[in-house]
Amino acid sequence: MATRQLDVRGTKCPVPIVRAKKEIDGMQAGDVLEVLATDPGSMSDFQGWAKMSKLAVLREQRTEKDPTGREVYVHVLERRG
């Protein structure tokens, strides 16, 4: 199982989802993708996309702060088999 990180900080919807989908498409079953975003709307965007996606499962979402104190929304996705 490989883990990749996708940094989409500074982008707005739909860019985080579009880039995550492209990344997931090239991954193997069981691989994990951690997406770092700064758009607060990405929380609900990823929840909605994962419900419809046949390729990805949303494993975790959390909020962290970067060194500048900015909110970073972390979305952990797993590639389905």
N, C-alpha and C. Protein backbone atom coordinates (compact mmCIF):
# COMPACT_ATOMS: atom_id res chain seq x y z
N MET A 1 0.85 -1.19 0.00
CA MET A 1 0.00 0.00 0.00
C MET A 1 0.89 1.24 0.00
N ALA A 2 0.71 2.07 -1.00
CA ALA A 2 1.48 3.32 -1.11
C ALA A 2 0.63 4.48 -0.63
N THR A 3 1.29 5.47 -0.07
CA THR A 3 0.59 6.68 0.33
C THR A 3 1.18 7.84 -0.46
N ARG A 4 0.29 8.59 -1.08
CA ARG A 4 0.72 9.78 -1.83
C ARG A 4 0.12 11.01 -1.16
N GLN A 5 0.76 12.15 -1.40
CA GLN A 5 0.23 13.40 -0.88
C GLN A 5 0.01 14.34 -2.06
N LEU A 6 -1.15 15.00 -2.06
CA LEU A 6 -1.50 15.95 -3.11
C LEU A 6 -1.75 17.30 -2.44
N ASP A 7 -0.95 18.29 -2.80
CA ASP A 7 -1.06 19.61 -2.21
C ASP A 7 -1.84 20.52 -3.16
N VAL A 8 -3.09 20.84 -2.78
CA VAL A 8 -3.92 21.73 -3.59
C VAL A 8 -4.25 23.00 -2.79
N ARG A 9 -3.38 23.33 -1.84
CA ARG A 9 -3.60 24.55 -1.05
C ARG A 9 -3.61 25.76 -1.96
N GLY A 10 -4.53 26.68 -1.68
CA GLY A 10 -4.63 27.90 -2.47
C GLY A 10 -5.57 27.79 -3.66
N THR A 11 -6.11 26.60 -3.92
CA THR A 11 -7.05 26.42 -5.03
C THR A 11 -8.47 26.35 -4.50
N LYS A 12 -9.43 26.65 -5.35
CA LYS A 12 -10.85 26.61 -5.00
C LYS A 12 -11.55 25.53 -5.80
N CYS A 13 -12.73 25.15 -5.34
CA CYS A 13 -13.58 24.18 -6.02
C CYS A 13 -13.73 24.61 -7.48
N PRO A 14 -13.64 23.70 -8.43
CA PRO A 14 -13.56 22.25 -8.30
C PRO A 14 -12.14 21.69 -8.38
N VAL A 15 -11.13 22.55 -8.35
CA VAL A 15 -9.75 22.10 -8.58
C VAL A 15 -9.31 20.97 -7.62
N PRO A 16 -9.55 21.08 -6.29
CA PRO A 16 -9.10 19.97 -5.42
C PRO A 16 -9.68 18.61 -5.81
N ILE A 17 -10.97 18.58 -6.14
CA ILE A 17 -11.63 17.32 -6.53
C ILE A 17 -11.08 16.82 -7.87
N VAL A 18 -10.96 17.72 -8.83
CA VAL A 18 -10.47 17.33 -10.17
C VAL A 18 -9.06 16.74 -10.07
N ARG A 19 -8.19 17.40 -9.33
CA ARG A 19 -6.80 16.92 -9.20
C ARG A 19 -6.76 15.61 -8.41
N ALA A 20 -7.60 15.48 -7.36
CA ALA A 20 -7.64 14.25 -6.57
C ALA A 20 -8.13 13.08 -7.42
N LYS A 21 -9.17 13.32 -8.23
CA LYS A 21 -9.70 12.25 -9.08
C LYS A 21 -8.63 11.79 -10.06
N LYS A 22 -7.90 12.73 -10.65
CA LYS A 22 -6.84 12.39 -11.61
C LYS A 22 -5.77 11.53 -10.92
N GLU A 23 -5.43 11.89 -9.70
CA GLU A 23 -4.42 11.15 -8.93
C GLU A 23 -4.92 9.73 -8.60
N ILE A 24 -6.17 9.65 -8.11
CA ILE A 24 -6.78 8.35 -7.74
C ILE A 24 -6.84 7.43 -8.96
N ASP A 25 -7.16 7.99 -10.12
CA ASP A 25 -7.26 7.18 -11.35
C ASP A 25 -5.97 6.43 -11.65
N GLY A 26 -4.83 7.00 -11.27
CA GLY A 26 -3.55 6.36 -11.56
C GLY A 26 -2.99 5.53 -10.43
N MET A 27 -3.79 5.30 -9.40
CA MET A 27 -3.31 4.55 -8.23
C MET A 27 -3.79 3.11 -8.25
N GLN A 28 -3.17 2.28 -7.42
CA GLN A 28 -3.55 0.87 -7.28
C GLN A 28 -4.57 0.72 -6.15
N ALA A 29 -5.36 -0.35 -6.18
CA ALA A 29 -6.32 -0.63 -5.11
C ALA A 29 -5.60 -0.68 -3.77
N GLY A 30 -6.17 -0.02 -2.78
CA GLY A 30 -5.59 -0.02 -1.44
C GLY A 30 -4.64 1.14 -1.19
N ASP A 31 -4.18 1.81 -2.27
CA ASP A 31 -3.31 2.97 -2.10
C ASP A 31 -4.09 4.10 -1.43
N VAL A 32 -3.38 4.94 -0.70
CA VAL A 32 -4.00 6.03 0.05
C VAL A 32 -3.49 7.36 -0.50
N LEU A 33 -4.41 8.30 -0.63
CA LEU A 33 -4.07 9.66 -1.09
C LEU A 33 -4.47 10.64 0.00
N GLU A 34 -3.52 11.45 0.42
CA GLU A 34 -3.79 12.49 1.41
C GLU A 34 -3.79 13.83 0.67
N VAL A 35 -4.93 14.50 0.71
CA VAL A 35 -5.09 15.77 0.00
C VAL A 35 -5.05 16.91 1.00
N LEU A 36 -4.19 17.90 0.73
CA LEU A 36 -4.08 19.09 1.58
C LEU A 36 -4.74 20.25 0.85
N ALA A 37 -5.78 20.83 1.47
CA ALA A 37 -6.53 21.92 0.84
C ALA A 37 -6.72 23.06 1.83
N THR A 38 -6.94 24.26 1.29
CA THR A 38 -7.22 25.41 2.16
C THR A 38 -8.64 25.93 1.96
N ASP A 39 -9.37 25.39 1.01
CA ASP A 39 -10.75 25.80 0.75
C ASP A 39 -11.67 25.12 1.75
N PRO A 40 -12.35 25.90 2.65
CA PRO A 40 -13.24 25.27 3.64
C PRO A 40 -14.34 24.43 2.98
N GLY A 41 -14.75 24.81 1.78
CA GLY A 41 -15.79 24.06 1.06
C GLY A 41 -15.33 22.68 0.65
N SER A 42 -14.02 22.44 0.70
CA SER A 42 -13.52 21.12 0.29
C SER A 42 -14.01 20.02 1.22
N MET A 43 -14.34 20.36 2.47
CA MET A 43 -14.84 19.34 3.41
C MET A 43 -16.11 18.69 2.86
N SER A 44 -17.10 19.50 2.53
CA SER A 44 -18.35 18.95 1.99
C SER A 44 -18.17 18.45 0.56
N ASP A 45 -17.30 19.11 -0.22
CA ASP A 45 -17.05 18.67 -1.60
C ASP A 45 -16.53 17.24 -1.63
N PHE A 46 -15.54 16.93 -0.78
CA PHE A 46 -14.96 15.59 -0.78
C PHE A 46 -15.95 14.56 -0.24
N GLN A 47 -16.78 14.95 0.73
CA GLN A 47 -17.80 14.02 1.25
C GLN A 47 -18.78 13.64 0.14
N GLY A 48 -19.25 14.64 -0.59
CA GLY A 48 -20.20 14.39 -1.68
C GLY A 48 -19.58 13.59 -2.80
N TRP A 49 -18.34 13.93 -3.18
CA TRP A 49 -17.68 13.22 -4.27
C TRP A 49 -17.42 11.76 -3.90
N ALA A 50 -16.99 11.51 -2.67
CA ALA A 50 -16.68 10.14 -2.25
C ALA A 50 -17.94 9.27 -2.25
N LYS A 51 -19.10 9.87 -1.93
CA LYS A 51 -20.35 9.10 -1.94
C LYS A 51 -20.68 8.62 -3.35
N MET A 52 -20.34 9.43 -4.35
CA MET A 52 -20.67 9.09 -5.74
C MET A 52 -19.55 8.32 -6.44
N SER A 53 -18.35 8.43 -5.94
CA SER A 53 -17.19 7.84 -6.61
C SER A 53 -17.18 6.32 -6.50
N LYS A 54 -16.87 5.69 -7.61
CA LYS A 54 -16.72 4.23 -7.60
C LYS A 54 -15.27 3.84 -7.31
N LEU A 55 -14.37 4.82 -7.33
CA LEU A 55 -12.95 4.54 -7.19
C LEU A 55 -12.36 4.89 -5.83
N ALA A 56 -13.00 5.79 -5.07
CA ALA A 56 -12.37 6.27 -3.84
C ALA A 56 -13.31 6.18 -2.64
N VAL A 57 -12.72 5.89 -1.49
CA VAL A 57 -13.43 5.88 -0.21
C VAL A 57 -12.79 6.96 0.66
N LEU A 58 -13.62 7.80 1.26
CA LEU A 58 -13.11 8.83 2.15
C LEU A 58 -12.89 8.21 3.53
N ARG A 59 -11.63 8.06 3.93
CA ARG A 59 -11.28 7.40 5.18
C ARG A 59 -11.25 8.35 6.38
N GLU A 60 -10.84 9.60 6.13
CA GLU A 60 -10.68 10.53 7.24
C GLU A 60 -10.67 11.95 6.72
N GLN A 61 -11.16 12.88 7.55
CA GLN A 61 -11.01 14.30 7.29
C GLN A 61 -10.60 14.95 8.60
N ARG A 62 -9.64 15.88 8.52
CA ARG A 62 -9.24 16.59 9.73
C ARG A 62 -8.76 17.98 9.33
N THR A 63 -8.69 18.84 10.32
CA THR A 63 -8.22 20.20 10.10
C THR A 63 -6.95 20.40 10.90
N GLU A 64 -5.94 20.97 10.23
CA GLU A 64 -4.67 21.27 10.88
C GLU A 64 -4.34 22.73 10.62
N LYS A 65 -3.31 23.21 11.25
CA LYS A 65 -2.84 24.58 10.98
C LYS A 65 -1.44 24.48 10.37
N ASP A 66 -1.20 25.30 9.33
CA ASP A 66 0.15 25.33 8.76
C ASP A 66 1.02 26.28 9.59
N PRO A 67 2.30 26.38 9.29
CA PRO A 67 3.19 27.22 10.11
C PRO A 67 2.76 28.69 10.19
N THR A 68 1.97 29.15 9.22
CA THR A 68 1.52 30.55 9.25
C THR A 68 0.20 30.71 10.01
N GLY A 69 -0.34 29.59 10.51
CA GLY A 69 -1.60 29.65 11.25
C GLY A 69 -2.82 29.47 10.37
N ARG A 70 -2.61 29.24 9.09
CA ARG A 70 -3.73 29.05 8.15
C ARG A 70 -4.33 27.67 8.32
N GLU A 71 -5.65 27.58 8.21
CA GLU A 71 -6.34 26.29 8.30
C GLU A 71 -6.02 25.45 7.06
N VAL A 72 -5.67 24.20 7.30
CA VAL A 72 -5.44 23.25 6.21
C VAL A 72 -6.40 22.07 6.43
N TYR A 73 -7.17 21.77 5.41
CA TYR A 73 -8.14 20.67 5.48
C TYR A 73 -7.52 19.44 4.83
N VAL A 74 -7.41 18.37 5.62
CA VAL A 74 -6.75 17.15 5.16
C VAL A 74 -7.83 16.09 4.87
N HIS A 75 -7.80 15.57 3.66
CA HIS A 75 -8.75 14.54 3.23
C HIS A 75 -7.96 13.28 2.90
N VAL A 76 -8.30 12.17 3.54
CA VAL A 76 -7.59 10.91 3.32
C VAL A 76 -8.51 9.98 2.52
N LEU A 77 -8.07 9.66 1.32
CA LEU A 77 -8.86 8.83 0.41
C LEU A 77 -8.14 7.52 0.13
N GLU A 78 -8.91 6.46 0.01
CA GLU A 78 -8.33 5.16 -0.34
C GLU A 78 -8.90 4.72 -1.68
N ARG A 79 -8.02 4.22 -2.53
CA ARG A 79 -8.42 3.73 -3.86
C ARG A 79 -9.10 2.37 -3.70
N ARG A 80 -10.29 2.26 -4.24
CA ARG A 80 -11.02 0.98 -4.17
C ARG A 80 -10.44 -0.02 -5.15
N GLY A 81 -10.76 -1.30 -4.90
CA GLY A 81 -10.28 -2.36 -5.76
C GLY A 81 -11.04 -2.49 -7.04
